[in-house]
């Protein structure tokens, strides 16, 4: 199903609240490669809950 450009451009922006906690932040850090190499203490602080 193609997107109707006129309808998409006429739509207003969607608003809402977003929140995250330490688990979400840790998953994000892991997703972007934090903790690599695993032996680097400066990188591990972004992946270990005990270092938050």
N, C-alpha and C. Protein backbone atom coordinates (compact mmCIF):
# COMPACT_ATOMS: atom_id res chain seq x y z
N UNK A 1 0.85 -1.16 0.00
CA UNK A 1 0.00 0.00 0.00
C UNK A 1 0.91 1.24 0.00
N UNK A 2 0.79 2.09 -1.01
CA UNK A 2 1.63 3.29 -1.07
C UNK A 2 1.19 4.34 -0.05
N UNK A 3 2.12 5.18 0.31
CA UNK A 3 1.83 6.28 1.24
C UNK A 3 1.28 7.46 0.45
N UNK A 4 0.16 8.00 0.90
CA UNK A 4 -0.42 9.19 0.28
C UNK A 4 0.37 10.39 0.78
N UNK A 5 1.21 10.97 -0.08
CA UNK A 5 2.09 12.07 0.32
C UNK A 5 1.31 13.27 0.83
N UNK A 6 0.21 13.61 0.19
CA UNK A 6 -0.58 14.77 0.61
C UNK A 6 -1.13 14.56 2.02
N UNK A 7 -1.60 13.36 2.30
CA UNK A 7 -2.15 13.06 3.62
C UNK A 7 -1.03 13.06 4.67
N UNK A 8 0.11 12.50 4.32
CA UNK A 8 1.23 12.44 5.25
C UNK A 8 1.75 13.83 5.58
N UNK A 9 1.85 14.69 4.58
CA UNK A 9 2.35 16.05 4.80
C UNK A 9 1.35 16.92 5.55
N UNK A 10 0.06 16.62 5.42
CA UNK A 10 -0.98 17.40 6.10
C UNK A 10 -1.17 16.99 7.55
N UNK A 11 -0.68 15.83 7.93
CA UNK A 11 -0.86 15.33 9.29
C UNK A 11 -0.04 16.16 10.28
N UNK A 12 -0.61 16.39 11.43
CA UNK A 12 0.10 17.12 12.48
C UNK A 12 1.12 16.21 13.17
N UNK A 13 2.03 16.80 13.90
CA UNK A 13 3.04 16.00 14.60
C UNK A 13 2.40 15.22 15.75
N UNK A 14 2.92 14.07 15.99
CA UNK A 14 2.46 13.24 17.11
C UNK A 14 3.22 13.68 18.37
N UNK A 15 2.51 13.84 19.45
CA UNK A 15 3.15 14.23 20.70
C UNK A 15 2.92 13.15 21.75
N UNK A 16 3.79 13.10 22.71
CA UNK A 16 3.68 12.13 23.80
C UNK A 16 4.88 12.23 24.70
N UNK A 17 4.79 11.57 25.84
CA UNK A 17 5.90 11.57 26.78
C UNK A 17 6.69 10.28 26.64
N UNK A 18 7.98 10.40 26.84
CA UNK A 18 8.88 9.26 26.76
C UNK A 18 9.69 9.22 28.05
N UNK A 19 9.93 8.04 28.56
CA UNK A 19 10.79 7.91 29.74
C UNK A 19 11.65 6.66 29.58
N UNK A 20 12.76 6.63 30.27
CA UNK A 20 13.63 5.47 30.24
C UNK A 20 14.30 5.36 31.59
N UNK A 21 14.78 4.16 31.90
CA UNK A 21 15.48 3.94 33.16
C UNK A 21 16.88 3.39 32.87
N UNK A 22 17.59 3.01 33.92
CA UNK A 22 18.98 2.58 33.74
C UNK A 22 19.10 1.36 32.84
N UNK A 23 18.10 0.48 32.84
CA UNK A 23 18.17 -0.70 31.97
C UNK A 23 18.12 -0.32 30.50
N UNK A 24 17.27 0.65 30.18
CA UNK A 24 17.18 1.11 28.79
C UNK A 24 18.49 1.75 28.34
N UNK A 25 19.10 2.52 29.24
CA UNK A 25 20.37 3.17 28.91
C UNK A 25 21.46 2.13 28.70
N UNK A 26 21.50 1.12 29.55
CA UNK A 26 22.50 0.06 29.39
C UNK A 26 22.31 -0.69 28.08
N UNK A 27 21.09 -1.01 27.72
CA UNK A 27 20.84 -1.69 26.45
C UNK A 27 21.26 -0.83 25.27
N UNK A 28 21.02 0.46 25.37
CA UNK A 28 21.45 1.37 24.31
C UNK A 28 22.97 1.35 24.19
N UNK A 29 23.65 1.46 25.31
CA UNK A 29 25.12 1.45 25.28
C UNK A 29 25.65 0.16 24.67
N UNK A 30 25.06 -0.97 25.04
CA UNK A 30 25.49 -2.24 24.44
C UNK A 30 25.21 -2.27 22.95
N UNK A 31 24.08 -1.71 22.55
CA UNK A 31 23.70 -1.69 21.14
C UNK A 31 24.64 -0.89 20.27
N UNK A 32 25.25 0.16 20.84
CA UNK A 32 26.16 0.98 20.04
C UNK A 32 27.62 0.56 20.20
N UNK A 33 27.84 -0.55 20.95
CA UNK A 33 29.18 -1.11 21.02
C UNK A 33 29.98 -0.75 22.26
N UNK A 34 29.35 -0.20 23.27
CA UNK A 34 30.08 0.07 24.51
C UNK A 34 30.53 -1.25 25.11
N UNK A 35 31.64 -1.21 25.80
CA UNK A 35 32.18 -2.43 26.40
C UNK A 35 33.10 -3.19 25.47
N UNK A 36 33.45 -2.57 24.36
CA UNK A 36 34.33 -3.22 23.40
C UNK A 36 35.60 -2.40 23.27
N UNK A 37 36.73 -2.90 23.57
CA UNK A 37 37.02 -4.25 24.04
C UNK A 37 36.59 -4.45 25.50
N UNK A 38 36.26 -5.68 25.83
CA UNK A 38 35.73 -5.99 27.16
C UNK A 38 36.75 -5.81 28.27
N UNK A 39 38.00 -5.63 27.92
CA UNK A 39 39.04 -5.45 28.94
C UNK A 39 39.32 -3.99 29.25
N UNK A 40 38.64 -3.08 28.59
CA UNK A 40 38.86 -1.65 28.80
C UNK A 40 37.97 -1.15 29.94
N UNK A 41 38.53 -0.80 31.10
CA UNK A 41 37.72 -0.36 32.25
C UNK A 41 36.88 0.88 31.94
N UNK A 42 37.37 1.75 31.08
CA UNK A 42 36.60 2.94 30.74
C UNK A 42 35.34 2.59 29.96
N UNK A 43 35.36 1.51 29.19
CA UNK A 43 34.19 1.07 28.44
C UNK A 43 33.24 0.26 29.32
N UNK A 44 33.78 -0.53 30.23
CA UNK A 44 32.94 -1.39 31.07
C UNK A 44 32.01 -0.59 31.96
N UNK A 45 32.37 0.62 32.32
CA UNK A 45 31.50 1.41 33.20
C UNK A 45 30.16 1.72 32.55
N UNK A 46 30.07 1.64 31.24
CA UNK A 46 28.81 1.90 30.56
C UNK A 46 27.93 0.65 30.47
N UNK A 47 28.48 -0.51 30.81
CA UNK A 47 27.74 -1.75 30.64
C UNK A 47 27.45 -2.49 31.94
N UNK A 48 28.12 -2.14 33.02
CA UNK A 48 27.93 -2.85 34.28
C UNK A 48 27.02 -2.07 35.21
N UNK A 49 25.98 -2.74 35.70
CA UNK A 49 25.01 -2.08 36.58
C UNK A 49 25.67 -1.59 37.87
N UNK A 50 26.66 -2.31 38.35
CA UNK A 50 27.32 -1.92 39.60
C UNK A 50 28.09 -0.61 39.47
N UNK A 51 28.30 -0.14 38.25
CA UNK A 51 29.08 1.09 38.05
C UNK A 51 28.23 2.28 37.65
N UNK A 52 26.93 2.16 37.81
CA UNK A 52 26.05 3.29 37.47
C UNK A 52 26.07 4.31 38.58
